[in-house]
PDB file of N, CA and C in Angstrom:
ATOM      1  N   MET A   1     -19.477  16.144 -32.550  1.00  0.00           N
ATOM      2  CA  MET A   1     -20.022  15.086 -31.728  1.00  0.00           C
ATOM      3  C   MET A   1     -20.532  15.699 -30.425  1.00  0.00           C
ATOM      4  N   LYS A   2     -21.691  15.267 -30.000  1.00  0.00           N
ATOM      5  CA  LYS A   2     -22.276  15.781 -28.764  1.00  0.00           C
ATOM      6  C   LYS A   2     -21.484  15.287 -27.552  1.00  0.00           C
ATOM      7  N   THR A   3     -21.603  16.019 -26.442  1.00  0.00           N
ATOM      8  CA  THR A   3     -20.851  15.703 -25.230  1.00  0.00           C
ATOM      9  C   THR A   3     -21.127  14.285 -24.740  1.00  0.00           C
ATOM     10  N   VAL A   4     -22.392  13.870 -24.718  1.00  0.00           N
ATOM     11  CA  VAL A   4     -22.736  12.524 -24.256  1.00  0.00           C
ATOM     12  C   VAL A   4     -22.105  11.477 -25.161  1.00  0.00           C
ATOM     13  N   GLN A   5     -22.163  11.703 -26.478  1.00  0.00           N
ATOM     14  CA  GLN A   5     -21.556  10.761 -27.419  1.00  0.00           C
ATOM     15  C   GLN A   5     -20.049  10.687 -27.208  1.00  0.00           C
ATOM     16  N   LYS A   6     -19.411  11.840 -27.005  1.00  0.00           N
ATOM     17  CA  LYS A   6     -17.971  11.869 -26.745  1.00  0.00           C
ATOM     18  C   LYS A   6     -17.644  11.085 -25.488  1.00  0.00           C
ATOM     19  N   GLY A   7     -18.454  11.294 -24.458  1.00  0.00           N
ATOM     20  CA  GLY A   7     -18.227  10.600 -23.195  1.00  0.00           C
ATOM     21  C   GLY A   7     -18.332   9.099 -23.351  1.00  0.00           C
ATOM     22  N   LYS A   8     -19.375   8.635 -24.029  1.00  0.00           N
ATOM     23  CA  LYS A   8     -19.564   7.195 -24.235  1.00  0.00           C
ATOM     24  C   LYS A   8     -18.439   6.624 -25.090  1.00  0.00           C
ATOM     25  N   SER A   9     -18.010   7.361 -26.105  1.00  0.00           N
ATOM     26  CA  SER A   9     -16.904   6.923 -26.944  1.00  0.00           C
ATOM     27  C   SER A   9     -15.625   6.825 -26.115  1.00  0.00           C
ATOM     28  N   GLY A  10     -15.378   7.831 -25.274  1.00  0.00           N
ATOM     29  CA  GLY A  10     -14.206   7.813 -24.404  1.00  0.00           C
ATOM     30  C   GLY A  10     -14.243   6.651 -23.430  1.00  0.00           C
ATOM     31  N   GLU A  11     -15.407   6.377 -22.871  1.00  0.00           N
ATOM     32  CA  GLU A  11     -15.548   5.267 -21.932  1.00  0.00           C
ATOM     33  C   GLU A  11     -15.303   3.931 -22.627  1.00  0.00           C
ATOM     34  N   ARG A  12     -15.769   3.803 -23.857  1.00  0.00           N
ATOM     35  CA  ARG A  12     -15.535   2.568 -24.619  1.00  0.00           C
ATOM     36  C   ARG A  12     -14.044   2.382 -24.885  1.00  0.00           C
ATOM     37  N   ILE A  13     -13.385   3.458 -25.312  1.00  0.00           N
ATOM     38  CA  ILE A  13     -11.943   3.409 -25.580  1.00  0.00           C
ATOM     39  C   ILE A  13     -11.186   3.061 -24.299  1.00  0.00           C
ATOM     40  N   ALA A  14     -11.570   3.691 -23.193  1.00  0.00           N
ATOM     41  CA  ALA A  14     -10.910   3.429 -21.910  1.00  0.00           C
ATOM     42  C   ALA A  14     -11.105   1.977 -21.479  1.00  0.00           C
ATOM     43  N   ALA A  15     -12.314   1.447 -21.621  1.00  0.00           N
ATOM     44  CA  ALA A  15     -12.586   0.062 -21.231  1.00  0.00           C
ATOM     45  C   ALA A  15     -11.741  -0.907 -22.058  1.00  0.00           C
ATOM     46  N   GLU A  16     -11.635  -0.661 -23.355  1.00  0.00           N
ATOM     47  CA  GLU A  16     -10.807  -1.515 -24.214  1.00  0.00           C
ATOM     48  C   GLU A  16      -9.342  -1.445 -23.782  1.00  0.00           C
ATOM     49  N   TYR A  17      -8.875  -0.247 -23.507  1.00  0.00           N
ATOM     50  CA  TYR A  17      -7.496  -0.044 -23.055  1.00  0.00           C
ATOM     51  C   TYR A  17      -7.246  -0.807 -21.748  1.00  0.00           C
ATOM     52  N   LEU A  18      -8.160  -0.660 -20.786  1.00  0.00           N
ATOM     53  CA  LEU A  18      -8.000  -1.311 -19.489  1.00  0.00           C
ATOM     54  C   LEU A  18      -8.027  -2.831 -19.616  1.00  0.00           C
ATOM     55  N   LYS A  19      -8.922  -3.364 -20.439  1.00  0.00           N
ATOM     56  CA  LYS A  19      -8.977  -4.816 -20.652  1.00  0.00           C
ATOM     57  C   LYS A  19      -7.657  -5.315 -21.214  1.00  0.00           C
ATOM     58  N   ALA A  20      -7.094  -4.572 -22.156  1.00  0.00           N
ATOM     59  CA  ALA A  20      -5.809  -4.953 -22.755  1.00  0.00           C
ATOM     60  C   ALA A  20      -4.687  -4.940 -21.715  1.00  0.00           C
ATOM     61  N   LYS A  21      -4.855  -4.144 -20.666  1.00  0.00           N
ATOM     62  CA  LYS A  21      -3.867  -4.071 -19.579  1.00  0.00           C
ATOM     63  C   LYS A  21      -4.136  -5.114 -18.490  1.00  0.00           C
ATOM     64  N   GLY A  22      -5.149  -5.951 -18.671  1.00  0.00           N
ATOM     65  CA  GLY A  22      -5.435  -7.018 -17.723  1.00  0.00           C
ATOM     66  C   GLY A  22      -6.496  -6.707 -16.685  1.00  0.00           C
ATOM     67  N   PHE A  23      -7.154  -5.565 -16.796  1.00  0.00           N
ATOM     68  CA  PHE A  23      -8.232  -5.218 -15.869  1.00  0.00           C
ATOM     69  C   PHE A  23      -9.482  -6.031 -16.213  1.00  0.00           C
ATOM     70  N   GLU A  24     -10.244  -6.394 -15.200  1.00  0.00           N
ATOM     71  CA  GLU A  24     -11.554  -7.012 -15.404  1.00  0.00           C
ATOM     72  C   GLU A  24     -12.598  -5.932 -15.142  1.00  0.00           C
ATOM     73  N   ILE A  25     -13.377  -5.607 -16.159  1.00  0.00           N
ATOM     74  CA  ILE A  25     -14.412  -4.582 -16.020  1.00  0.00           C
ATOM     75  C   ILE A  25     -15.592  -5.200 -15.276  1.00  0.00           C
ATOM     76  N   LEU A  26     -15.946  -4.623 -14.132  1.00  0.00           N
ATOM     77  CA  LEU A  26     -17.062  -5.125 -13.330  1.00  0.00           C
ATOM     78  C   LEU A  26     -18.362  -4.395 -13.649  1.00  0.00           C
ATOM     79  N   PHE A  27     -18.289  -3.071 -13.731  1.00  0.00           N
ATOM     80  CA  PHE A  27     -19.461  -2.241 -14.018  1.00  0.00           C
ATOM     81  C   PHE A  27     -19.039  -1.056 -14.872  1.00  0.00           C
ATOM     82  N   THR A  28     -19.948  -0.618 -15.716  1.00  0.00           N
ATOM     83  CA  THR A  28     -19.774   0.659 -16.405  1.00  0.00           C
ATOM     84  C   THR A  28     -20.977   1.525 -16.051  1.00  0.00           C
ATOM     85  N   ASN A  29     -20.731   2.806 -15.917  1.00  0.00           N
ATOM     86  CA  ASN A  29     -21.784   3.776 -15.595  1.00  0.00           C
ATOM     87  C   ASN A  29     -22.574   3.375 -14.347  1.00  0.00           C
ATOM     88  N   TYR A  30     -21.856   3.064 -13.288  1.00  0.00           N
ATOM     89  CA  TYR A  30     -22.473   2.685 -12.020  1.00  0.00           C
ATOM     90  C   TYR A  30     -23.043   3.931 -11.360  1.00  0.00           C
ATOM     91  N   ARG A  31     -24.348   3.890 -11.070  1.00  0.00           N
ATOM     92  CA  ARG A  31     -25.039   5.073 -10.543  1.00  0.00           C
ATOM     93  C   ARG A  31     -25.404   4.897  -9.074  1.00  0.00           C
ATOM     94  N   TYR A  32     -25.306   6.019  -8.371  1.00  0.00           N
ATOM     95  CA  TYR A  32     -25.790   6.131  -6.997  1.00  0.00           C
ATOM     96  C   TYR A  32     -26.503   7.471  -6.936  1.00  0.00           C
ATOM     97  N   GLY A  33     -27.831   7.430  -6.894  1.00  0.00           N
ATOM     98  CA  GLY A  33     -28.597   8.672  -7.000  1.00  0.00           C
ATOM     99  C   GLY A  33     -28.349   9.290  -8.367  1.00  0.00           C
ATOM    100  N   HIS A  34     -27.970  10.552  -8.369  1.00  0.00           N
ATOM    101  CA  HIS A  34     -27.687  11.237  -9.632  1.00  0.00           C
ATOM    102  C   HIS A  34     -26.202  11.232  -9.966  1.00  0.00           C
ATOM    103  N   LYS A  35     -25.412  10.550  -9.159  1.00  0.00           N
ATOM    104  CA  LYS A  35     -23.963  10.524  -9.359  1.00  0.00           C
ATOM    105  C   LYS A  35     -23.564   9.214 -10.028  1.00  0.00           C
ATOM    106  N   GLU A  36     -22.404   9.233 -10.669  1.00  0.00           N
ATOM    107  CA  GLU A  36     -22.003   8.066 -11.456  1.00  0.00           C
ATOM    108  C   GLU A  36     -20.488   7.913 -11.464  1.00  0.00           C
ATOM    109  N   ILE A  37     -20.055   6.662 -11.512  1.00  0.00           N
ATOM    110  CA  ILE A  37     -18.652   6.335 -11.776  1.00  0.00           C
ATOM    111  C   ILE A  37     -18.628   5.676 -13.143  1.00  0.00           C
ATOM    112  N   ASP A  38     -17.717   6.125 -13.999  1.00  0.00           N
ATOM    113  CA  ASP A  38     -17.683   5.638 -15.378  1.00  0.00           C
ATOM    114  C   ASP A  38     -17.386   4.146 -15.463  1.00  0.00           C
ATOM    115  N   ILE A  39     -16.333   3.703 -14.775  1.00  0.00           N
ATOM    116  CA  ILE A  39     -15.928   2.296 -14.845  1.00  0.00           C
ATOM    117  C   ILE A  39     -15.496   1.836 -13.454  1.00  0.00           C
ATOM    118  N   ILE A  40     -15.940   0.643 -13.086  1.00  0.00           N
ATOM    119  CA  ILE A  40     -15.437  -0.019 -11.886  1.00  0.00           C
ATOM    120  C   ILE A  40     -14.809  -1.317 -12.368  1.00  0.00           C
ATOM    121  N   ALA A  41     -13.556  -1.533 -11.980  1.00  0.00           N
ATOM    122  CA  ALA A  41     -12.817  -2.685 -12.484  1.00  0.00           C
ATOM    123  C   ALA A  41     -12.021  -3.346 -11.367  1.00  0.00           C
ATOM    124  N   ARG A  42     -11.568  -4.558 -11.667  1.00  0.00           N
ATOM    125  CA  ARG A  42     -10.681  -5.270 -10.751  1.00  0.00           C
ATOM    126  C   ARG A  42      -9.303  -5.321 -11.407  1.00  0.00           C
ATOM    127  N   ASP A  43      -8.288  -4.925 -10.645  1.00  0.00           N
ATOM    128  CA  ASP A  43      -6.899  -4.984 -11.107  1.00  0.00           C
ATOM    129  C   ASP A  43      -6.093  -5.648 -10.005  1.00  0.00           C
ATOM    130  N   LYS A  44      -5.772  -6.909 -10.214  1.00  0.00           N
ATOM    131  CA  LYS A  44      -5.077  -7.710  -9.208  1.00  0.00           C
ATOM    132  C   LYS A  44      -5.878  -7.678  -7.901  1.00  0.00           C
ATOM    133  N   ASN A  45      -5.311  -7.139  -6.819  1.00  0.00           N
ATOM    134  CA  ASN A  45      -6.037  -7.133  -5.540  1.00  0.00           C
ATOM    135  C   ASN A  45      -6.683  -5.778  -5.252  1.00  0.00           C
ATOM    136  N   TYR A  46      -7.007  -5.037  -6.310  1.00  0.00           N
ATOM    137  CA  TYR A  46      -7.652  -3.731  -6.163  1.00  0.00           C
ATOM    138  C   TYR A  46      -9.006  -3.706  -6.857  1.00  0.00           C
ATOM    139  N   ILE A  47      -9.955  -3.037  -6.225  1.00  0.00           N
ATOM    140  CA  ILE A  47     -11.166  -2.600  -6.902  1.00  0.00           C
ATOM    141  C   ILE A  47     -10.864  -1.159  -7.287  1.00  0.00           C
ATOM    142  N   VAL A  48     -10.988  -0.857  -8.567  1.00  0.00           N
ATOM    143  CA  VAL A  48     -10.557   0.438  -9.090  1.00  0.00           C
ATOM    144  C   VAL A  48     -11.767   1.212  -9.598  1.00  0.00           C
ATOM    145  N   PHE A  49     -11.921   2.418  -9.090  1.00  0.00           N
ATOM    146  CA  PHE A  49     -12.978   3.330  -9.516  1.00  0.00           C
ATOM    147  C   PHE A  49     -12.343   4.293 -10.513  1.00  0.00           C
ATOM    148  N   ILE A  50     -12.851   4.290 -11.733  1.00  0.00           N
ATOM    149  CA  ILE A  50     -12.177   4.987 -12.826  1.00  0.00           C
ATOM    150  C   ILE A  50     -13.065   6.069 -13.420  1.00  0.00           C
ATOM    151  N   GLU A  51     -12.536   7.266 -13.438  1.00  0.00           N
ATOM    152  CA  GLU A  51     -13.185   8.397 -14.109  1.00  0.00           C
ATOM    153  C   GLU A  51     -12.509   8.553 -15.466  1.00  0.00           C
ATOM    154  N   VAL A  52     -13.317   8.636 -16.506  1.00  0.00           N
ATOM    155  CA  VAL A  52     -12.798   8.802 -17.864  1.00  0.00           C
ATOM    156  C   VAL A  52     -13.054  10.234 -18.303  1.00  0.00           C
ATOM    157  N   LYS A  53     -12.018  10.860 -18.811  1.00  0.00           N
ATOM    158  CA  LYS A  53     -12.129  12.213 -19.353  1.00  0.00           C
ATOM    159  C   LYS A  53     -11.545  12.199 -20.752  1.00  0.00           C
ATOM    160  N   ALA A  54     -12.356  12.610 -21.706  1.00  0.00           N
ATOM    161  CA  ALA A  54     -11.907  12.660 -23.095  1.00  0.00           C
ATOM    162  C   ALA A  54     -12.193  14.043 -23.644  1.00  0.00           C
ATOM    163  N   GLY A  55     -11.280  14.542 -24.428  1.00  0.00           N
ATOM    164  CA  GLY A  55     -11.516  15.850 -25.021  1.00  0.00           C
ATOM    165  C   GLY A  55     -10.307  16.392 -25.741  1.00  0.00           C
ATOM    166  N   ARG A  56     -10.493  17.590 -26.268  1.00  0.00           N
ATOM    167  CA  ARG A  56      -9.437  18.208 -27.046  1.00  0.00           C
ATOM    168  C   ARG A  56      -9.211  19.662 -26.692  1.00  0.00           C
ATOM    169  N   SER A  57      -9.849  20.120 -25.660  1.00  0.00           N
ATOM    170  CA  SER A  57      -9.751  21.529 -25.301  1.00  0.00           C
ATOM    171  C   SER A  57      -8.421  21.847 -24.642  1.00  0.00           C
ATOM    172  N   LYS A  58      -7.712  22.794 -25.191  1.00  0.00           N
ATOM    173  CA  LYS A  58      -6.492  23.292 -24.558  1.00  0.00           C
ATOM    174  C   LYS A  58      -6.834  24.455 -23.624  1.00  0.00           C
ATOM    175  N   THR A  59      -8.019  25.026 -23.795  1.00  0.00           N
ATOM    176  CA  THR A  59      -8.446  26.160 -22.981  1.00  0.00           C
ATOM    177  C   THR A  59      -8.490  25.804 -21.501  1.00  0.00           C
ATOM    178  N   TYR A  60      -8.992  24.621 -21.186  1.00  0.00           N
ATOM    179  CA  TYR A  60      -9.168  24.204 -19.796  1.00  0.00           C
ATOM    180  C   TYR A  60      -8.064  23.265 -19.328  1.00  0.00           C
ATOM    181  N   GLY A  61      -7.008  23.147 -20.090  1.00  0.00           N
ATOM    182  CA  GLY A  61      -5.911  22.264 -19.722  1.00  0.00           C
ATOM    183  C   GLY A  61      -6.173  20.845 -20.194  1.00  0.00           C
ATOM    184  N   PRO A  62      -5.252  19.933 -19.884  1.00  0.00           N
ATOM    185  CA  PRO A  62      -5.408  18.547 -20.329  1.00  0.00           C
ATOM    186  C   PRO A  62      -6.577  17.866 -19.627  1.00  0.00           C
ATOM    187  N   PRO A  63      -7.176  16.859 -20.272  1.00  0.00           N
ATOM    188  CA  PRO A  63      -8.342  16.184 -19.698  1.00  0.00           C
ATOM    189  C   PRO A  63      -8.129  15.657 -18.283  1.00  0.00           C
ATOM    190  N   ALA A  64      -6.935  15.186 -17.956  1.00  0.00           N
ATOM    191  CA  ALA A  64      -6.689  14.645 -16.612  1.00  0.00           C
ATOM    192  C   ALA A  64      -6.946  15.689 -15.532  1.00  0.00           C
ATOM    193  N   GLY A  65      -6.737  16.945 -15.842  1.00  0.00           N
ATOM    194  CA  GLY A  65      -6.944  18.018 -14.879  1.00  0.00           C
ATOM    195  C   GLY A  65      -8.398  18.387 -14.669  1.00  0.00           C
ATOM    196  N   TRP A  66      -9.285  17.775 -15.419  1.00  0.00           N
ATOM    197  CA  TRP A  66     -10.706  18.098 -15.321  1.00  0.00           C
ATOM    198  C   TRP A  66     -11.388  17.425 -14.127  1.00  0.00           C
ATOM    199  N   VAL A  67     -10.677  16.573 -13.404  1.00  0.00           N
ATOM    200  CA  VAL A  67     -11.248  15.896 -12.234  1.00  0.00           C
ATOM    201  C   VAL A  67     -10.880  16.727 -11.002  1.00  0.00           C
ATOM    202  N   ASN A  68     -11.693  17.736 -10.746  1.00  0.00           N
ATOM    203  CA  ASN A  68     -11.417  18.667  -9.647  1.00  0.00           C
ATOM    204  C   ASN A  68     -11.870  18.086  -8.304  1.00  0.00           C
ATOM    205  N   LEU A  69     -11.639  18.826  -7.235  1.00  0.00           N
ATOM    206  CA  LEU A  69     -11.968  18.362  -5.889  1.00  0.00           C
ATOM    207  C   LEU A  69     -13.458  18.045  -5.739  1.00  0.00           C
ATOM    208  N   ARG A  70     -14.302  18.852  -6.324  1.00  0.00           N
ATOM    209  CA  ARG A  70     -15.758  18.613  -6.254  1.00  0.00           C
ATOM    210  C   ARG A  70     -16.111  17.271  -6.894  1.00  0.00           C
ATOM    211  N   LYS A  71     -15.529  17.000  -8.058  1.00  0.00           N
ATOM    212  CA  LYS A  71     -15.772  15.736  -8.755  1.00  0.00           C
ATOM    213  C   LYS A  71     -15.209  14.570  -7.942  1.00  0.00           C
ATOM    214  N   GLN A  72     -14.038  14.761  -7.349  1.00  0.00           N
ATOM    215  CA  GLN A  72     -13.438  13.713  -6.527  1.00  0.00           C
ATOM    216  C   GLN A  72     -14.355  13.337  -5.367  1.00  0.00           C
ATOM    217  N   LYS A  73     -14.961  14.331  -4.741  1.00  0.00           N
ATOM    218  CA  LYS A  73     -15.869  14.068  -3.617  1.00  0.00           C
ATOM    219  C   LYS A  73     -17.093  13.280  -4.076  1.00  0.00           C
ATOM    220  N   LYS A  74     -17.620  13.612  -5.256  1.00  0.00           N
ATOM    221  CA  LYS A  74     -18.765  12.869  -5.794  1.00  0.00           C
ATOM    222  C   LYS A  74     -18.380  11.419  -6.082  1.00  0.00           C
ATOM    223  N   LEU A  75     -17.209  11.229  -6.681  1.00  0.00           N
ATOM    224  CA  LEU A  75     -16.742   9.875  -6.971  1.00  0.00           C
ATOM    225  C   LEU A  75     -16.554   9.085  -5.679  1.00  0.00           C
ATOM    226  N   ALA A  76     -16.000   9.727  -4.662  1.00  0.00           N
ATOM    227  CA  ALA A  76     -15.793   9.064  -3.376  1.00  0.00           C
ATOM    228  C   ALA A  76     -17.125   8.647  -2.753  1.00  0.00           C
ATOM    229  N   GLU A  77     -18.143   9.487  -2.892  1.00  0.00           N
ATOM    230  CA  GLU A  77     -19.468   9.161  -2.350  1.00  0.00           C
ATOM    231  C   GLU A  77     -20.051   7.927  -3.041  1.00  0.00           C
ATOM    232  N   VAL A  78     -19.938   7.873  -4.355  1.00  0.00           N
ATOM    233  CA  VAL A  78     -20.453   6.718  -5.101  1.00  0.00           C
ATOM    234  C   VAL A  78     -19.638   5.473  -4.761  1.00  0.00           C
ATOM    235  N   ALA A  79     -18.327   5.617  -4.669  1.00  0.00           N
ATOM    236  CA  ALA A  79     -17.462   4.480  -4.345  1.00  0.00           C
ATOM    237  C   ALA A  79     -17.790   3.919  -2.965  1.00  0.00           C
ATOM    238  N   THR A  80     -18.033   4.786  -2.013  1.00  0.00           N
ATOM    239  CA  THR A  80     -18.390   4.353  -0.660  1.00  0.00           C
ATOM    240  C   THR A  80     -19.698   3.565  -0.681  1.00  0.00           C
ATOM    241  N   ALA A  81     -20.687   4.068  -1.404  1.00  0.00           N
ATOM    242  CA  ALA A  81     -21.970   3.357  -1.527  1.00  0.00           C
ATOM    243  C   ALA A  81     -21.767   2.003  -2.202  1.00  0.00           C
ATOM    244  N   PHE A  82     -20.943   1.972  -3.233  1.00  0.00           N
ATOM    245  CA  PHE A  82     -20.662   0.721  -3.944  1.00  0.00           C
ATOM    246  C   PHE A  82     -20.039  -0.306  -3.002  1.00  0.00           C
ATOM    247  N   MET A  83     -19.045   0.122  -2.226  1.00  0.00           N
ATOM    248  CA  MET A  83     -18.345  -0.806  -1.336  1.00  0.00           C
ATOM    249  C   MET A  83     -19.255  -1.299  -0.209  1.00  0.00           C
ATOM    250  N   GLN A  84     -20.253  -0.499   0.163  1.00  0.00           N
ATOM    251  CA  GLN A  84     -21.213  -0.947   1.170  1.00  0.00           C
ATOM    252  C   GLN A  84     -22.186  -1.965   0.580  1.00  0.00           C
ATOM    253  N   GLU A  85     -22.487  -1.817  -0.690  1.00  0.00           N
ATOM    254  CA  GLU A  85     -23.441  -2.712  -1.354  1.00  0.00           C
ATOM    255  C   GLU A  85     -22.783  -4.004  -1.837  1.00  0.00           C
ATOM    256  N   HIS A  86     -21.533  -3.918  -2.271  1.00  0.00           N
ATOM    257  CA  HIS A  86     -20.810  -5.067  -2.834  1.00  0.00           C
ATOM    258  C   HIS A  86     -19.603  -5.364  -1.957  1.00  0.00           C
ATOM    259  N   GLN A  87     -19.509  -6.591  -1.519  1.00  0.00           N
ATOM    260  CA  GLN A  87     -18.410  -6.977  -0.634  1.00  0.00           C
ATOM    261  C   GLN A  87     -17.255  -7.572  -1.446  1.00  0.00           C
ATOM    262  N   PHE A  88     -16.062  -7.074  -1.185  1.00  0.00           N
ATOM    263  CA  PHE A  88     -14.851  -7.580  -1.817  1.00  0.00           C
ATOM    264  C   PHE A  88     -13.798  -7.792  -0.732  1.00  0.00           C
ATOM    265  N   PRO A  89     -13.978  -8.827   0.102  1.00  0.00           N
ATOM    266  CA  PRO A  89     -13.023  -9.058   1.190  1.00  0.00           C
ATOM    267  C   PRO A  89     -11.606  -9.263   0.638  1.00  0.00           C
ATOM    268  N   GLY A  90     -10.650  -8.646   1.292  1.00  0.00           N
ATOM    269  CA  GLY A  90      -9.258  -8.810   0.891  1.00  0.00           C
ATOM    270  C   GLY A  90      -8.802  -7.878  -0.213  1.00  0.00           C
ATOM    271  N   TYR A  91      -9.715  -7.066  -0.726  1.00  0.00           N
ATOM    272  CA  TYR A  91      -9.357  -6.132  -1.798  1.00  0.00           C
ATOM    273  C   TYR A  91      -9.167  -4.730  -1.231  1.00  0.00           C
ATOM    274  N   ASP A  92      -8.174  -4.048  -1.758  1.00  0.00           N
ATOM    275  CA  ASP A  92      -8.027  -2.622  -1.491  1.00  0.00           C
ATOM    276  C   ASP A  92      -8.759  -1.887  -2.607  1.00  0.00           C
ATOM    277  N   PHE A  93      -8.886  -0.583  -2.490  1.00  0.00           N
ATOM    278  CA  PHE A  93      -9.496   0.163  -3.583  1.00  0.00           C
ATOM    279  C   PHE A  93      -8.648   1.383  -3.898  1.00  0.00           C
ATOM    280  N   ARG A  94      -8.837   1.891  -5.104  1.00  0.00           N
ATOM    281  CA  ARG A  94      -8.126   3.098  -5.521  1.00  0.00           C
ATOM    282  C   ARG A  94      -8.951   3.821  -6.573  1.00  0.00           C
ATOM    283  N   PHE A  95      -8.574   5.087  -6.795  1.00  0.00           N
ATOM    284  CA  PHE A  95      -9.220   5.922  -7.802  1.00  0.00           C
ATOM    285  C   PHE A  95      -8.216   6.211  -8.909  1.00  0.00           C
ATOM    286  N   ASP A  96      -8.585   5.856 -10.126  1.00  0.00           N
ATOM    287  CA  ASP A  96      -7.755   6.134 -11.299  1.00  0.00           C
ATOM    288  C   ASP A  96      -8.491   7.106 -12.204  1.00  0.00           C
ATOM    289  N   VAL A  97      -7.733   7.775 -13.044  1.00  0.00           N
ATOM    290  CA  VAL A  97      -8.298   8.597 -14.112  1.00  0.00           C
ATOM    291  C   VAL A  97      -7.696   8.107 -15.418  1.00  0.00           C
ATOM    292  N   VAL A  98      -8.546   7.902 -16.409  1.00  0.00           N
ATOM    293  CA  VAL A  98      -8.073   7.636 -17.765  1.00  0.00           C
ATOM    294  C   VAL A  98      -8.444   8.859 -18.586  1.00  0.00           C
ATOM    295  N   ALA A  99      -7.419   9.568 -19.016  1.00  0.00           N
ATOM    296  CA  ALA A  99      -7.614  10.784 -19.810  1.00  0.00           C
ATOM    297  C   ALA A  99      -7.286  10.464 -21.258  1.00  0.00           C
ATOM    298  N   ILE A 100      -8.187  10.855 -22.144  1.00  0.00           N
ATOM    299  CA  ILE A 100      -7.998  10.623 -23.571  1.00  0.00           C
ATOM    300  C   ILE A 100      -7.971  11.978 -24.246  1.00  0.00           C
ATOM    301  N   ASP A 101      -6.796  12.347 -24.715  1.00  0.00           N
ATOM    302  CA  ASP A 101      -6.591  13.651 -25.354  1.00  0.00           C
ATOM    303  C   ASP A 101      -6.660  13.458 -26.868  1.00  0.00           C
ATOM    304  N   THR A 102      -7.598  14.144 -27.490  1.00  0.00           N
ATOM    305  CA  THR A 102      -7.775  14.020 -28.941  1.00  0.00           C
ATOM    306  C   THR A 102      -7.369  15.294 -29.676  1.00  0.00           C
ATOM    307  N   SER A 103      -6.658  16.187 -28.986  1.00  0.00           N
ATOM    308  CA  SER A 103      -6.325  17.485 -29.593  1.00  0.00           C
ATOM    309  C   SER A 103      -5.373  17.367 -30.776  1.00  0.00           C
ATOM    310  N   SER A 104      -4.596  16.296 -30.836  1.00  0.00           N
ATOM    311  CA  SER A 104      -3.646  16.138 -31.940  1.00  0.00           C
ATOM    312  C   SER A 104      -4.270  15.427 -33.138  1.00  0.00           C
ATOM    313  N   GLY A 105      -5.536  15.053 -33.019  1.00  0.00           N
ATOM    314  CA  GLY A 105      -6.196  14.325 -34.098  1.00  0.00           C
ATOM    315  C   GLY A 105      -6.140  12.819 -33.904  1.00  0.00           C
ATOM    316  N   LYS A 106      -5.384  12.363 -32.920  1.00  0.00           N
ATOM    317  CA  LYS A 106      -5.364  10.940 -32.580  1.00  0.00           C
ATOM    318  C   LYS A 106      -5.565  10.811 -31.077  1.00  0.00           C
ATOM    319  N   GLU A 107      -5.878   9.623 -30.630  1.00  0.00           N
ATOM    320  CA  GLU A 107      -6.176   9.399 -29.214  1.00  0.00           C
ATOM    321  C   GLU A 107      -4.895   9.117 -28.436  1.00  0.00           C
ATOM    322  N   ILE A 108      -4.583   9.986 -27.498  1.00  0.00           N
ATOM    323  CA  ILE A 108      -3.440   9.776 -26.613  1.00  0.00           C
ATOM    324  C   ILE A 108      -4.011   9.476 -25.234  1.00  0.00           C
ATOM    325  N   ILE A 109      -3.746   8.263 -24.749  1.00  0.00           N
ATOM    326  CA  ILE A 109      -4.322   7.800 -23.490  1.00  0.00           C
ATOM    327  C   ILE A 109      -3.306   7.962 -22.370  1.00  0.00           C
ATOM    328  N   ASP A 110      -3.752   8.589 -21.301  1.00  0.00           N
ATOM    329  CA  ASP A 110      -2.939   8.774 -20.102  1.00  0.00           C
ATOM    330  C   ASP A 110      -3.697   8.138 -18.942  1.00  0.00           C
ATOM    331  N   HIS A 111      -3.159   7.038 -18.423  1.00  0.00           N
ATOM    332  CA  HIS A 111      -3.799   6.327 -17.305  1.00  0.00           C
ATOM    333  C   HIS A 111      -3.070   6.716 -16.025  1.00  0.00           C
ATOM    334  N   ILE A 112      -3.766   7.402 -15.145  1.00  0.00           N
ATOM    335  CA  ILE A 112      -3.185   7.885 -13.899  1.00  0.00           C
ATOM    336  C   ILE A 112      -3.713   7.020 -12.757  1.00  0.00           C
ATOM    337  N   GLN A 113      -2.868   6.133 -12.260  1.00  0.00           N
ATOM    338  CA  GLN A 113      -3.255   5.287 -11.140  1.00  0.00           C
ATOM    339  C   GLN A 113      -3.138   6.079  -9.847  1.00  0.00           C
ATOM    340  N   ASN A 114      -4.015   5.773  -8.896  1.00  0.00           N
ATOM    341  CA  ASN A 114      -4.026   6.504  -7.621  1.00  0.00           C
ATOM    342  C   ASN A 114      -4.075   8.008  -7.857  1.00  0.00           C
ATOM    343  N   ALA A 115      -4.973   8.421  -8.735  1.00  0.00           N
ATOM    344  CA  ALA A 115      -5.069   9.836  -9.119  1.00  0.00           C
ATOM    345  C   ALA A 115      -5.409  10.730  -7.930  1.00  0.00           C
ATOM    346  N   PHE A 116      -6.171  10.192  -6.991  1.00  0.00           N
ATOM    347  CA  PHE A 116      -6.478  10.914  -5.755  1.00  0.00           C
ATOM    348  C   PHE A 116      -6.857   9.897  -4.693  1.00  0.00           C
ATOM    349  N   TYR A 117      -6.922  10.348  -3.462  1.00  0.00           N
ATOM    350  CA  TYR A 117      -7.187   9.460  -2.332  1.00  0.00           C
ATOM    351  C   TYR A 117      -8.436   9.896  -1.593  1.00  0.00           C
ATOM    352  N   LEU A 118      -9.111   8.934  -1.012  1.00  0.00           N
ATOM    353  CA  LEU A 118     -10.301   9.185  -0.210  1.00  0.00           C
ATOM    354  C   LEU A 118      -9.861   9.568   1.195  1.00  0.00           C
ATOM    355  N   GLU A 119     -10.251  10.737   1.622  1.00  0.00           N
ATOM    356  CA  GLU A 119      -9.900  11.216   2.966  1.00  0.00           C
ATOM    357  C   GLU A 119     -10.929  10.738   3.974  1.00  0.00           C
ATOM    358  N   GLY A 120     -10.445  10.468   5.176  1.00  0.00           N
ATOM    359  CA  GLY A 120     -11.362  10.144   6.265  1.00  0.00           C
ATOM    360  C   GLY A 120     -11.579   8.728   6.371  1.00  0.00           C
TER     361      GLY A 120
END
């Protein structure tokens, strides 16, 4: 499966998982310039910016570890633009990662809430 197809499949699986957990999906593949956030959702009093990582590579560690500092900064930039464009009074925001590990032949989902914080 090509990387783009894997990504879209992972995002679909993550969205289904999040909906089952009570999240309301607001946007998928929200773009700001050339940068993108996979899923933006509402969870109780939070607007949640979610990066989805799916894969099976043991070489680079588990998928959750693939969201490095550079990627975090890009996500923060898109999230900041989103919050300036869309008003959600009374809501806090957070960054989550949904990692889908397929190395065992089945999908193991790891949802990491507050995976990182926006500095400044």
